[in-house]
Amino acid sequence: MTLSRRSTKMSEKSMPPRPEPPAPVIAIGSGAIESIVRCDAPLQIGRKQIVQQEESLGGSGLNYTLRLLAAGHPVLPILPVGNDGRGRLIRDSVAIAAGKITDRPELAKFLSPGRFFVSRLATPRSTLLVNQGQTTVFSEKFVEGKDFRKHLEKRFHDIEHGLGIVPGGVIVGHIYSDKSNDYPHVPGECTRFIIDYWQDKAPVFLNLGHSQIELGIAFWEDAIRKTSVMQMNIWEYKNLMKTAGRLPSLRKIIAWFRERRINAVISMGRFGALGVHGDGKDGLVYGQALLPPERVRDATGAGDAFAAGLASALAGRASFSFEDFRVAMAEAGIWASYACTTLGGSGYCPDQDKLAAFRKELGEENQNPIKIVDMKAAGPMLDMMDQLYS
């Protein structure tokens, strides 16, 4: 049977409009080549060990980038990598992943070799030792210097004026040059510049690394107030907020964010994650761990995977409700759990089909992993976490 022209037009009108593609997320943070050394037997220093070794890509900025791209979310990465063998391998890997998003030609333009690399910079390498459920990271001493600050300005100009893009969000990870070094380095310069530049233009997702954490909470408070969500693990928060060497309790960390109405996620490893939305009047968002310990191969990239999932769910929103935050944390938990089943920060990044299959594999009991905990009833759980992380 053939359709008349009129019926064809009617059917076209009745079709739902094609959804707008998501706006690209700017991903900023470290990028490195990782050598992963896996030792299953008890580690004995000074003795020969039988190990398995493999090469991978890692670093917070690169992890965000590859996970978002694999899930079909366009990304504009700004990474501190140089035009050397390691840096070219990183750029080529990102370009291949971006090429799978066929309706976004601007990604290829942004990844042009002439603009991608940071001048006078050597791309770093890290070694990850995975032994009996624990991961130890050995990183080269690395400082981007003033060149990365200038590179950020150049790349932001490319995004806004060269490509005419309004980003859906900006995710900021570990930036080595924010470390407190001698002149001419300015502590925290890059992260503060990023947040100040984008705070009124796109949601900013902040994930500080050790070079930034050592500057302390008083240094970062003004910048944190300008972000949409801050995310770190419980150890990182305790070190960021310590006073005279004393680590704060989890209650005090949560109270700090509630008093300032700042959205925050506190990851707790195998115990899941806690979310604070605004003043916390709706309760704590508790995302329970989804994997049994025996299924965790390597938790190295779990935090970065969670951050990428959270940014993917909340990108494009100038503000979001408690329910939006709850749903985003549930999605981010799936991304983080998947990352724990693979080695390295971004050794294998799943697409949406793989993530859907993983959800199904987890079973019905894990289809609703988010619980809302009343603040008054949360005390015993918070105290237990303090006992474990003290």
Protein backbone atom coordinates (compact mmCIF):
# COMPACT_ATOMS: atom_id res chain seq x y z
CA MET A 1 0.00 0.00 0.00
CA THR A 2 1.34 3.46 -0.87
CA LEU A 3 0.78 6.51 1.27
CA SER A 4 -0.76 9.61 -0.24
CA ARG A 5 1.23 12.83 -0.11
CA ARG A 6 -1.26 14.21 2.44
CA SER A 7 -0.95 11.23 4.77
CA THR A 8 2.84 11.40 4.49
CA LYS A 9 2.82 15.05 5.54
CA MET A 10 0.48 14.30 8.41
CA SER A 11 2.71 11.51 9.64
CA GLU A 12 5.73 13.80 9.45
CA LYS A 13 3.90 16.42 11.51
CA SER A 14 2.90 13.84 14.08
CA MET A 15 6.48 12.69 14.59
CA PRO A 16 8.09 13.98 17.77
CA PRO A 17 10.73 16.66 17.25
CA ARG A 18 14.30 15.44 17.13
CA PRO A 19 15.96 16.15 20.48
CA GLU A 20 18.67 18.79 20.51
CA PRO A 21 22.14 17.27 20.73
CA PRO A 22 23.84 17.96 24.08
CA ALA A 23 26.12 20.97 24.26
CA PRO A 24 29.79 20.02 24.58
CA VAL A 25 31.39 19.82 28.00
CA ILE A 26 34.81 21.40 28.48
CA ALA A 27 37.08 18.92 30.28
CA ILE A 28 40.19 20.32 31.98
CA GLY A 29 42.68 18.33 34.03
CA SER A 30 45.72 16.12 33.84
CA GLY A 31 46.55 13.73 31.02
CA ALA A 32 49.23 11.05 31.11
CA ILE A 33 50.37 7.68 29.86
CA GLU A 34 49.88 5.04 32.57
CA SER A 35 51.86 1.86 33.08
CA ILE A 36 49.70 -0.53 35.12
CA VAL A 37 51.54 -3.19 37.12
CA ARG A 38 49.29 -5.85 38.66
CA CYS A 39 50.69 -8.08 41.39
CA ASP A 40 48.26 -10.67 42.76
CA ALA A 41 50.56 -12.15 45.40
CA PRO A 42 51.46 -10.34 48.66
CA LEU A 43 53.98 -7.63 47.80
CA GLN A 44 57.46 -8.15 49.26
CA ILE A 45 59.80 -5.20 48.88
CA GLY A 46 63.31 -6.20 47.85
CA ARG A 47 62.22 -9.46 46.23
CA LYS A 48 61.38 -10.48 42.70
CA GLN A 49 57.66 -10.32 41.92
CA ILE A 50 55.65 -11.96 39.14
CA VAL A 51 53.41 -9.28 37.67
CA GLN A 52 51.15 -8.45 34.74
CA GLN A 53 51.79 -5.16 32.94
CA GLU A 54 49.85 -3.08 30.45
CA GLU A 55 49.81 0.46 29.09
CA SER A 56 46.82 2.73 29.40
CA LEU A 57 45.76 6.37 29.30
CA GLY A 58 44.97 8.30 32.47
CA GLY A 59 44.82 11.59 34.33
CA SER A 60 41.62 13.32 35.43
CA GLY A 61 41.08 15.48 32.34
CA LEU A 62 41.73 12.62 29.95
CA ASN A 63 39.53 10.25 31.97
CA TYR A 64 36.60 12.69 31.86
CA THR A 65 37.13 13.19 28.14
CA LEU A 66 37.26 9.54 27.06
CA ARG A 67 34.34 8.44 29.26
CA LEU A 68 32.05 11.25 28.10
CA LEU A 69 32.95 10.70 24.43
CA ALA A 70 32.37 6.94 24.69
CA ALA A 71 28.90 7.63 26.11
CA GLY A 72 28.12 9.92 23.16
CA HIS A 73 28.53 13.25 24.96
CA PRO A 74 30.67 15.75 23.00
CA VAL A 75 33.74 17.06 24.82
CA LEU A 76 36.23 19.87 24.30
CA PRO A 77 39.34 18.70 26.19
CA ILE A 78 42.03 21.08 27.41
CA LEU A 79 44.89 18.94 28.68
CA PRO A 80 48.46 19.76 29.78
CA VAL A 81 50.19 17.58 27.19
CA GLY A 82 53.08 18.41 24.91
CA ASN A 83 53.80 17.73 21.26
CA ASP A 84 55.86 14.60 21.95
CA GLY A 85 55.28 10.88 21.45
CA ARG A 86 53.11 10.53 24.54
CA GLY A 87 51.15 13.69 23.80
CA ARG A 88 50.48 12.68 20.20
CA LEU A 89 49.24 9.27 21.36
CA ILE A 90 46.81 11.01 23.73
CA ARG A 91 45.57 13.40 21.04
CA ASP A 92 45.11 10.61 18.52
CA SER A 93 43.15 8.53 21.07
CA VAL A 94 40.85 11.44 21.83
CA ALA A 95 40.40 12.18 18.10
CA ILE A 96 39.40 8.57 17.40
CA ALA A 97 36.85 8.64 20.24
CA ALA A 98 35.48 12.02 19.10
CA GLY A 99 35.21 10.76 15.51
CA LYS A 100 32.50 8.32 16.60
CA ILE A 101 30.21 11.28 17.32
CA THR A 102 29.53 11.93 13.66
CA ASP A 103 27.23 14.96 13.93
CA ARG A 104 29.74 17.21 15.71
CA PRO A 105 32.39 18.38 13.18
CA GLU A 106 33.50 21.13 15.56
CA LEU A 107 35.17 18.49 17.74
CA ALA A 108 37.68 17.66 15.00
CA LYS A 109 38.47 21.35 14.54
CA PHE A 110 39.08 21.79 18.24
CA LEU A 111 41.43 18.80 18.30
CA SER A 112 43.62 20.19 15.52
CA PRO A 113 47.28 19.36 16.37
CA GLY A 114 48.28 22.97 15.87
CA ARG A 115 46.06 24.06 18.77
CA PHE A 116 45.85 20.97 20.99
CA PHE A 117 49.35 20.84 22.49
CA VAL A 118 50.88 23.08 25.15
CA SER A 119 54.17 24.66 24.10
CA ARG A 120 57.38 23.72 25.90
CA LEU A 121 55.72 20.89 27.82
CA ALA A 122 56.72 17.23 28.20
CA THR A 123 53.77 14.83 28.62
CA PRO A 124 54.02 12.96 31.94
CA ARG A 125 53.92 9.25 32.68
CA SER A 126 52.50 7.48 35.75
CA THR A 127 52.90 3.97 37.12
CA LEU A 128 50.02 2.26 38.93
CA LEU A 129 50.74 -0.67 41.22
CA VAL A 130 47.59 -2.76 41.80
CA ASN A 131 48.04 -5.22 44.66
CA GLN A 132 45.35 -7.11 46.57
CA GLY A 133 42.60 -4.57 46.05
CA GLN A 134 44.75 -1.50 46.64
CA THR A 135 46.22 0.87 44.06
CA THR A 136 49.40 2.91 44.57
CA VAL A 137 50.19 5.63 42.04
CA PHE A 138 53.75 6.75 41.22
CA SER A 139 53.77 10.05 39.30
CA GLU A 140 56.61 12.00 37.76
CA LYS A 141 57.29 15.46 39.15
CA PHE A 142 55.46 17.68 36.73
CA VAL A 143 54.59 21.38 36.59
CA GLU A 144 52.79 22.97 33.65
CA GLY A 145 53.95 26.49 34.51
CA LYS A 146 52.71 29.72 32.97
CA ASP A 147 52.36 28.09 29.55
CA PHE A 148 49.23 26.19 30.59
CA ARG A 149 47.57 29.37 31.89
CA LYS A 150 48.17 31.00 28.49
CA HIS A 151 46.97 27.85 26.76
CA LEU A 152 43.67 28.02 28.67
CA GLU A 153 43.06 31.59 27.49
CA LYS A 154 43.79 30.61 23.89
CA ARG A 155 41.49 27.59 24.00
CA PHE A 156 38.63 29.50 25.65
CA HIS A 157 38.88 32.05 22.83
CA ASP A 158 38.76 29.21 20.30
CA ILE A 159 35.57 27.84 21.91
CA GLU A 160 33.65 31.10 22.20
CA HIS A 161 34.87 33.05 19.19
CA GLY A 162 36.45 30.55 16.82
CA LEU A 163 33.72 27.89 17.07
CA GLY A 164 30.89 29.96 18.56
CA ILE A 165 30.08 27.29 21.14
CA VAL A 166 28.19 27.80 24.39
CA PRO A 167 29.36 24.84 26.51
CA GLY A 168 26.95 22.74 28.51
CA GLY A 169 29.37 22.61 31.41
CA VAL A 170 32.98 22.81 32.52
CA ILE A 171 34.54 20.00 34.54
CA VAL A 172 37.80 20.84 36.33
CA GLY A 173 40.15 18.20 37.70
CA HIS A 174 43.73 18.08 38.94
CA ILE A 175 45.92 20.89 37.64
CA TYR A 176 49.54 20.47 38.73
CA SER A 177 50.56 24.11 38.29
CA ASP A 178 48.05 25.20 40.96
CA LYS A 179 50.56 23.83 43.47
CA SER A 180 52.25 26.36 45.73
CA ASN A 181 55.65 26.69 44.03
CA ASP A 182 58.21 29.46 43.95
CA TYR A 183 58.00 32.47 41.63
CA PRO A 184 56.76 32.80 38.87
CA HIS A 185 54.04 30.31 39.81
CA VAL A 186 50.85 31.71 41.35
CA PRO A 187 49.08 29.17 43.60
CA GLY A 188 45.64 28.21 42.32
CA GLU A 189 45.93 30.53 39.33
CA CYS A 190 44.58 28.19 36.65
CA THR A 191 41.60 26.79 38.55
CA ARG A 192 40.54 30.23 39.76
CA PHE A 193 40.82 31.62 36.24
CA ILE A 194 38.67 28.78 34.85
CA ILE A 195 35.95 29.21 37.46
CA ASP A 196 35.86 33.02 37.17
CA TYR A 197 35.72 32.80 33.37
CA TRP A 198 32.82 30.35 33.15
CA GLN A 199 30.81 30.82 36.36
CA ASP A 200 28.02 32.87 34.73
CA LYS A 201 28.15 31.05 31.39
CA ALA A 202 28.02 27.33 32.19
CA PRO A 203 27.76 25.01 35.22
CA VAL A 204 31.17 24.28 36.73
CA PHE A 205 31.96 20.86 38.25
CA LEU A 206 35.00 20.97 40.52
CA ASN A 207 37.22 18.00 41.48
CA LEU A 208 40.43 19.17 43.16
CA GLY A 209 43.61 17.07 43.10
CA HIS A 210 46.45 16.92 45.62
CA SER A 211 48.30 19.96 44.22
CA GLN A 212 45.18 22.07 44.81
CA ILE A 213 44.07 20.42 48.08
CA GLU A 214 47.29 21.33 49.87
CA LEU A 215 46.35 25.03 49.56
CA GLY A 216 43.52 24.53 52.07
CA ILE A 217 39.83 25.38 52.34
CA ALA A 218 40.33 29.06 53.24
CA PHE A 219 42.23 29.53 49.97
CA TRP A 220 39.49 27.90 47.88
CA GLU A 221 36.27 28.97 49.61
CA ASP A 222 35.43 31.90 47.31
CA ALA A 223 36.07 29.76 44.22
CA ILE A 224 34.03 26.82 45.54
CA ARG A 225 31.03 29.11 46.14
CA LYS A 226 30.96 29.84 42.38
CA THR A 227 30.72 26.18 41.32
CA SER A 228 27.63 24.05 40.60
CA VAL A 229 28.91 20.87 42.27
CA MET A 230 32.10 19.97 44.09
CA GLN A 231 33.17 16.33 44.27
CA MET A 232 36.06 14.62 46.05
CA ASN A 233 36.57 11.57 48.22
CA ILE A 234 36.30 11.67 52.00
CA TRP A 235 40.08 11.64 52.52
CA GLU A 236 40.50 14.58 50.17
CA TYR A 237 37.83 16.63 51.94
CA LYS A 238 39.37 15.89 55.33
CA ASN A 239 42.80 17.01 54.13
CA LEU A 240 41.39 20.09 52.41
CA MET A 241 39.59 21.19 55.58
CA LYS A 242 42.06 20.12 58.27
CA THR A 243 43.04 22.69 60.89
CA ALA A 244 46.45 22.61 62.59
CA GLY A 245 46.87 19.03 61.39
CA ARG A 246 43.49 17.88 62.81
CA LEU A 247 41.10 16.23 60.38
CA PRO A 248 37.47 17.41 60.55
CA SER A 249 34.58 15.02 61.13
CA LEU A 250 32.25 14.12 58.30
CA ARG A 251 29.49 15.98 60.15
CA LYS A 252 31.57 19.18 60.04
CA ILE A 253 32.34 18.73 56.34
CA ILE A 254 28.65 18.34 55.52
CA ALA A 255 27.71 21.28 57.77
CA TRP A 256 30.25 23.49 55.96
CA PHE A 257 28.53 22.89 52.63
CA ARG A 258 25.00 23.15 54.04
CA GLU A 259 25.73 26.50 55.72
CA ARG A 260 26.94 27.89 52.39
CA ARG A 261 24.27 26.14 50.28
CA ILE A 262 26.94 24.54 48.08
CA ASN A 263 26.17 21.27 46.27
CA ALA A 264 28.73 18.58 47.04
CA VAL A 265 29.42 14.87 46.55
CA ILE A 266 31.58 12.95 49.04
CA SER A 267 32.70 9.58 47.70
CA MET A 268 33.55 6.87 50.23
CA GLY A 269 35.06 4.06 48.18
CA ARG A 270 33.40 0.71 48.76
CA PHE A 271 30.83 2.42 51.01
CA GLY A 272 29.29 4.48 48.19
CA ALA A 273 28.82 8.25 48.08
CA LEU A 274 26.98 11.03 49.91
CA GLY A 275 25.41 14.04 48.23
CA VAL A 276 24.56 17.40 49.79
CA HIS A 277 22.11 19.60 47.87
CA GLY A 278 21.79 23.23 48.89
CA ASP A 279 21.02 23.64 52.58
CA GLY A 280 20.35 19.92 52.93
CA LYS A 281 16.76 20.35 54.12
CA ASP A 282 15.61 17.51 51.85
CA GLY A 283 18.11 15.12 53.40
CA LEU A 284 21.38 13.50 52.36
CA VAL A 285 21.52 11.64 49.06
CA TYR A 286 23.17 8.30 49.73
CA GLY A 287 24.35 6.27 46.76
CA GLN A 288 25.18 2.78 47.93
CA ALA A 289 27.99 0.74 46.40
CA LEU A 290 26.77 -1.49 43.58
CA LEU A 291 29.56 -4.08 43.30
CA PRO A 292 30.61 -6.81 45.73
CA PRO A 293 34.34 -6.55 46.63
CA GLU A 294 35.29 -9.55 44.52
CA ARG A 295 34.12 -7.80 41.35
CA VAL A 296 36.30 -4.72 41.86
CA ARG A 297 39.42 -5.04 39.71
CA ASP A 298 40.76 -1.50 40.08
CA ALA A 299 39.12 1.56 41.63
CA THR A 300 41.65 4.01 40.16
CA GLY A 301 39.28 5.70 37.72
CA ALA A 302 36.05 5.41 39.72
CA GLY A 303 36.07 8.99 41.01
CA ASP A 304 36.72 10.45 37.56
CA ALA A 305 34.06 8.19 36.04
CA PHE A 306 31.56 9.38 38.68
CA ALA A 307 32.45 13.00 37.89
CA ALA A 308 31.96 12.42 34.15
CA GLY A 309 28.60 10.74 34.72
CA LEU A 310 27.46 13.56 37.00
CA ALA A 311 28.49 16.21 34.48
CA SER A 312 26.77 14.33 31.66
CA ALA A 313 23.50 14.23 33.62
CA LEU A 314 23.58 17.86 34.78
CA ALA A 315 25.22 19.61 31.81
CA GLY A 316 23.23 22.48 30.35
CA ARG A 317 21.44 23.27 33.63
CA ALA A 318 22.08 26.67 35.16
CA SER A 319 20.46 25.28 38.31
CA PHE A 320 18.93 21.96 39.27
CA SER A 321 16.49 20.57 41.79
CA PHE A 322 17.05 18.04 44.55
CA GLU A 323 15.40 15.42 42.32
CA ASP A 324 17.71 16.30 39.41
CA PHE A 325 20.67 15.87 41.75
CA ARG A 326 19.38 12.53 43.01
CA VAL A 327 18.92 11.19 39.47
CA ALA A 328 22.36 12.46 38.44
CA MET A 329 24.02 10.73 41.39
CA ALA A 330 22.31 7.46 40.47
CA GLU A 331 23.63 7.71 36.90
CA ALA A 332 27.11 8.68 38.08
CA GLY A 333 27.15 5.65 40.38
CA ILE A 334 26.63 3.35 37.38
CA TRP A 335 29.54 4.98 35.55
CA ALA A 336 31.81 4.66 38.60
CA SER A 337 30.86 1.04 39.25
CA TYR A 338 31.59 0.08 35.64
CA ALA A 339 35.01 1.74 35.92
CA CYS A 340 35.83 -0.51 38.89
CA THR A 341 35.50 -3.60 36.68
CA THR A 342 38.38 -2.49 34.42
CA LEU A 343 42.04 -1.56 34.91
CA GLY A 344 43.30 2.02 34.73
CA GLY A 345 41.66 5.41 34.71
CA SER A 346 40.22 5.05 31.22
CA GLY A 347 41.42 1.65 30.06
CA TYR A 348 38.00 0.77 28.74
CA CYS A 349 35.18 3.30 28.47
CA PRO A 350 31.66 1.96 27.80
CA ASP A 351 29.12 3.36 25.37
CA GLN A 352 25.46 3.78 26.28
CA ASP A 353 24.61 0.22 25.18
CA LYS A 354 27.33 -1.21 27.44
CA LEU A 355 26.13 0.92 30.35
CA ALA A 356 22.55 -0.26 29.78
CA ALA A 357 23.69 -3.89 29.73
CA PHE A 358 25.66 -3.28 32.92
CA ARG A 359 22.55 -1.89 34.66
CA LYS A 360 20.65 -5.00 33.66
CA GLU A 361 23.48 -7.23 34.85
CA LEU A 362 23.45 -5.61 38.29
CA GLY A 363 19.93 -6.92 38.82
CA GLU A 364 16.70 -5.49 40.15
CA GLU A 365 18.01 -5.09 43.69
CA ASN A 366 20.44 -2.43 42.41
CA GLN A 367 18.05 -0.60 40.09
CA ASN A 368 17.28 1.95 42.80
CA PRO A 369 20.67 2.46 44.50
CA ILE A 370 19.87 5.91 45.89
CA LYS A 371 18.46 6.41 49.37
CA ILE A 372 17.43 9.67 51.00
CA VAL A 373 18.68 9.88 54.57
CA ASP A 374 17.19 12.34 57.05
CA MET A 375 19.92 14.60 58.42
CA LYS A 376 18.95 13.86 62.04
CA ALA A 377 19.08 10.10 61.46
CA ALA A 378 22.38 10.21 59.55
CA GLY A 379 24.59 10.66 62.63
CA PRO A 380 25.49 7.00 63.32
CA MET A 381 26.40 6.40 59.67
CA LEU A 382 28.59 9.52 59.58
CA ASP A 383 30.31 8.54 62.83
CA MET A 384 31.05 5.08 61.45
CA MET A 385 32.64 6.62 58.35
CA ASP A 386 34.82 8.78 60.58
CA GLN A 387 36.00 5.67 62.42
CA LEU A 388 36.98 4.08 59.12
CA TYR A 389 38.59 7.23 57.69
CA SER A 390 40.50 8.61 60.66
